[in-house]
Amino acid sequence: MTIDQRETIIELYDTYGSLLTDKQRSYFEDYYFADLSISEIADNYRISRNAVFDQLKRVVQNLEEYEKKLHYVEKCSRIFQLEIPEQLKEELLNILKGEDYGI
């Protein structure tokens, strides 16, 4: 996995992580943020390495699927690339987040 791929996965997690189960978030955070190996995670949770591997793979697939359907990260990126005043960018992001409409 390249650094860019890892950064993309982490960005997706930052955006959609709340949609994952508690266990999925724990495995993901242990692997990507605490830099634990699959073996260490398996030992910590008393499950097989294969189970951890499968869960991590499923988490990444879920995150990618959320983005494929919602395009939220893509939309935010496009807003940041616009050559408009920063305040307008912030307003657009707030609308996208639903903050201006109480969503």
C-alpha atoms as a PDB file:
ATOM      1  CA  MET A   1       0.000   0.000   0.000  1.00  0.00           C
ATOM      2  CA  THR A   2       1.355   3.384  -0.980  1.00  0.00           C
ATOM      3  CA  ILE A   3       1.358   6.412   1.287  1.00  0.00           C
ATOM      4  CA  ASP A   4      -1.256   8.073  -0.924  1.00  0.00           C
ATOM      5  CA  GLN A   5      -3.551   5.050  -0.649  1.00  0.00           C
ATOM      6  CA  ARG A   6      -3.112   5.009   3.113  1.00  0.00           C
ATOM      7  CA  GLU A   7      -3.885   8.731   3.355  1.00  0.00           C
ATOM      8  CA  THR A   8      -7.002   8.262   1.224  1.00  0.00           C
ATOM      9  CA  ILE A   9      -8.237   5.419   3.427  1.00  0.00           C
ATOM     10  CA  ILE A  10      -7.637   7.485   6.563  1.00  0.00           C
ATOM     11  CA  GLU A  11      -9.474  10.446   5.020  1.00  0.00           C
ATOM     12  CA  LEU A  12     -12.419   8.168   4.233  1.00  0.00           C
ATOM     13  CA  TYR A  13     -12.313   6.878   7.807  1.00  0.00           C
ATOM     14  CA  ASP A  14     -12.317  10.429   9.169  1.00  0.00           C
ATOM     15  CA  THR A  15     -15.422  11.115   7.096  1.00  0.00           C
ATOM     16  CA  TYR A  16     -17.364   7.861   7.359  1.00  0.00           C
ATOM     17  CA  GLY A  17     -15.879   6.142  10.414  1.00  0.00           C
ATOM     18  CA  SER A  18     -18.977   6.794  12.502  1.00  0.00           C
ATOM     19  CA  LEU A  19     -20.902   4.485  10.152  1.00  0.00           C
ATOM     20  CA  LEU A  20     -18.731   1.508  11.150  1.00  0.00           C
ATOM     21  CA  THR A  21     -19.293  -0.815  14.080  1.00  0.00           C
ATOM     22  CA  ASP A  22     -17.349  -0.305  17.304  1.00  0.00           C
ATOM     23  CA  LYS A  23     -15.214  -3.378  16.587  1.00  0.00           C
ATOM     24  CA  GLN A  24     -14.461  -2.244  13.059  1.00  0.00           C
ATOM     25  CA  ARG A  25     -13.391   1.169  14.345  1.00  0.00           C
ATOM     26  CA  SER A  26     -11.200  -0.462  16.992  1.00  0.00           C
ATOM     27  CA  TYR A  27      -9.440  -2.740  14.504  1.00  0.00           C
ATOM     28  CA  PHE A  28      -8.979   0.130  12.055  1.00  0.00           C
ATOM     29  CA  GLU A  29      -7.597   2.517  14.669  1.00  0.00           C
ATOM     30  CA  ASP A  30      -5.260  -0.120  16.068  1.00  0.00           C
ATOM     31  CA  TYR A  31      -3.911  -0.914  12.614  1.00  0.00           C
ATOM     32  CA  TYR A  32      -3.772   2.536  11.003  1.00  0.00           C
ATOM     33  CA  PHE A  33      -3.286   4.870  13.976  1.00  0.00           C
ATOM     34  CA  ALA A  34      -1.589   2.777  16.674  1.00  0.00           C
ATOM     35  CA  ASP A  35       0.454   0.983  13.988  1.00  0.00           C
ATOM     36  CA  LEU A  36      -0.182  -2.460  15.496  1.00  0.00           C
ATOM     37  CA  SER A  37       0.404  -5.498  13.345  1.00  0.00           C
ATOM     38  CA  ILE A  38      -2.407  -7.860  12.417  1.00  0.00           C
ATOM     39  CA  SER A  39      -0.884 -10.411  14.792  1.00  0.00           C
ATOM     40  CA  GLU A  40      -0.831  -7.930  17.665  1.00  0.00           C
ATOM     41  CA  ILE A  41      -4.450  -6.965  17.062  1.00  0.00           C
ATOM     42  CA  ALA A  42      -5.446 -10.629  16.885  1.00  0.00           C
ATOM     43  CA  ASP A  43      -3.700 -11.300  20.189  1.00  0.00           C
ATOM     44  CA  ASN A  44      -5.306  -8.267  21.852  1.00  0.00           C
ATOM     45  CA  TYR A  45      -8.826  -9.299  20.837  1.00  0.00           C
ATOM     46  CA  ARG A  46      -8.195 -13.048  21.075  1.00  0.00           C
ATOM     47  CA  ILE A  47      -9.252 -13.705  17.491  1.00  0.00           C
ATOM     48  CA  SER A  48      -7.436 -15.157  14.509  1.00  0.00           C
ATOM     49  CA  ARG A  49      -5.129 -13.097  12.314  1.00  0.00           C
ATOM     50  CA  ASN A  50      -7.352 -14.036   9.397  1.00  0.00           C
ATOM     51  CA  ALA A  51     -10.386 -12.557  11.178  1.00  0.00           C
ATOM     52  CA  VAL A  52      -8.529  -9.267  11.698  1.00  0.00           C
ATOM     53  CA  PHE A  53      -7.355  -9.234   8.094  1.00  0.00           C
ATOM     54  CA  ASP A  54     -10.903  -9.891   6.853  1.00  0.00           C
ATOM     55  CA  GLN A  55     -12.343  -7.164   9.084  1.00  0.00           C
ATOM     56  CA  LEU A  56      -9.784  -4.597   7.924  1.00  0.00           C
ATOM     57  CA  LYS A  57     -10.431  -5.512   4.312  1.00  0.00           C
ATOM     58  CA  ARG A  58     -14.194  -5.211   4.876  1.00  0.00           C
ATOM     59  CA  VAL A  59     -13.781  -1.833   6.588  1.00  0.00           C
ATOM     60  CA  VAL A  60     -11.829  -0.424   3.648  1.00  0.00           C
ATOM     61  CA  GLN A  61     -14.420  -1.803   1.223  1.00  0.00           C
ATOM     62  CA  ASN A  62     -17.229  -0.228   3.257  1.00  0.00           C
ATOM     63  CA  LEU A  63     -15.480   3.145   3.387  1.00  0.00           C
ATOM     64  CA  GLU A  64     -14.871   3.075  -0.362  1.00  0.00           C
ATOM     65  CA  GLU A  65     -18.491   2.083  -0.979  1.00  0.00           C
ATOM     66  CA  TYR A  66     -19.769   4.973   1.158  1.00  0.00           C
ATOM     67  CA  GLU A  67     -17.679   7.411  -0.853  1.00  0.00           C
ATOM     68  CA  LYS A  68     -18.768   5.822  -4.129  1.00  0.00           C
ATOM     69  CA  LYS A  69     -22.401   6.406  -3.196  1.00  0.00           C
ATOM     70  CA  LEU A  70     -22.167   9.753  -1.394  1.00  0.00           C
ATOM     71  CA  HIS A  71     -19.137  11.476  -3.008  1.00  0.00           C
ATOM     72  CA  TYR A  72     -18.732  13.635   0.093  1.00  0.00           C
ATOM     73  CA  VAL A  73     -14.911  13.611   0.156  1.00  0.00           C
ATOM     74  CA  GLU A  74     -14.807  14.304  -3.569  1.00  0.00           C
ATOM     75  CA  LYS A  75     -17.224  17.236  -3.209  1.00  0.00           C
ATOM     76  CA  CYS A  76     -15.189  18.735  -0.352  1.00  0.00           C
ATOM     77  CA  SER A  77     -12.016  18.408  -2.400  1.00  0.00           C
ATOM     78  CA  ARG A  78     -13.633  20.152  -5.347  1.00  0.00           C
ATOM     79  CA  ILE A  79     -14.779  23.000  -3.117  1.00  0.00           C
ATOM     80  CA  PHE A  80     -11.229  23.466  -1.760  1.00  0.00           C
ATOM     81  CA  GLN A  81      -9.908  23.663  -5.327  1.00  0.00           C
ATOM     82  CA  LEU A  82     -12.259  26.477  -6.324  1.00  0.00           C
ATOM     83  CA  GLU A  83     -10.656  29.853  -6.828  1.00  0.00           C
ATOM     84  CA  ILE A  84     -13.086  31.718  -4.604  1.00  0.00           C
ATOM     85  CA  PRO A  85     -12.764  33.509  -1.254  1.00  0.00           C
ATOM     86  CA  GLU A  86     -12.111  31.264   1.736  1.00  0.00           C
ATOM     87  CA  GLN A  87     -15.265  32.450   3.497  1.00  0.00           C
ATOM     88  CA  LEU A  88     -17.381  31.282   0.552  1.00  0.00           C
ATOM     89  CA  LYS A  89     -15.601  27.924   0.590  1.00  0.00           C
ATOM     90  CA  GLU A  90     -16.451  27.568   4.289  1.00  0.00           C
ATOM     91  CA  GLU A  91     -20.087  28.439   3.613  1.00  0.00           C
ATOM     92  CA  LEU A  92     -20.275  25.838   0.839  1.00  0.00           C
ATOM     93  CA  LEU A  93     -18.725  23.221   3.119  1.00  0.00           C
ATOM     94  CA  ASN A  94     -21.230  24.061   5.859  1.00  0.00           C
ATOM     95  CA  ILE A  95     -24.079  23.639   3.396  1.00  0.00           C
ATOM     96  CA  LEU A  96     -22.625  20.335   2.246  1.00  0.00           C
ATOM     97  CA  LYS A  97     -22.347  19.199   5.874  1.00  0.00           C
ATOM     98  CA  GLY A  98     -25.929  20.256   6.446  1.00  0.00           C
ATOM     99  CA  GLU A  99     -25.005  22.734   9.173  1.00  0.00           C
ATOM    100  CA  ASP A 100     -26.970  25.612   7.659  1.00  0.00           C
ATOM    101  CA  TYR A 101     -30.137  23.559   7.459  1.00  0.00           C
ATOM    102  CA  GLY A 102     -30.107  21.833  10.822  1.00  0.00           C
ATOM    103  CA  ILE A 103     -29.524  18.446   9.210  1.00  0.00           C
END
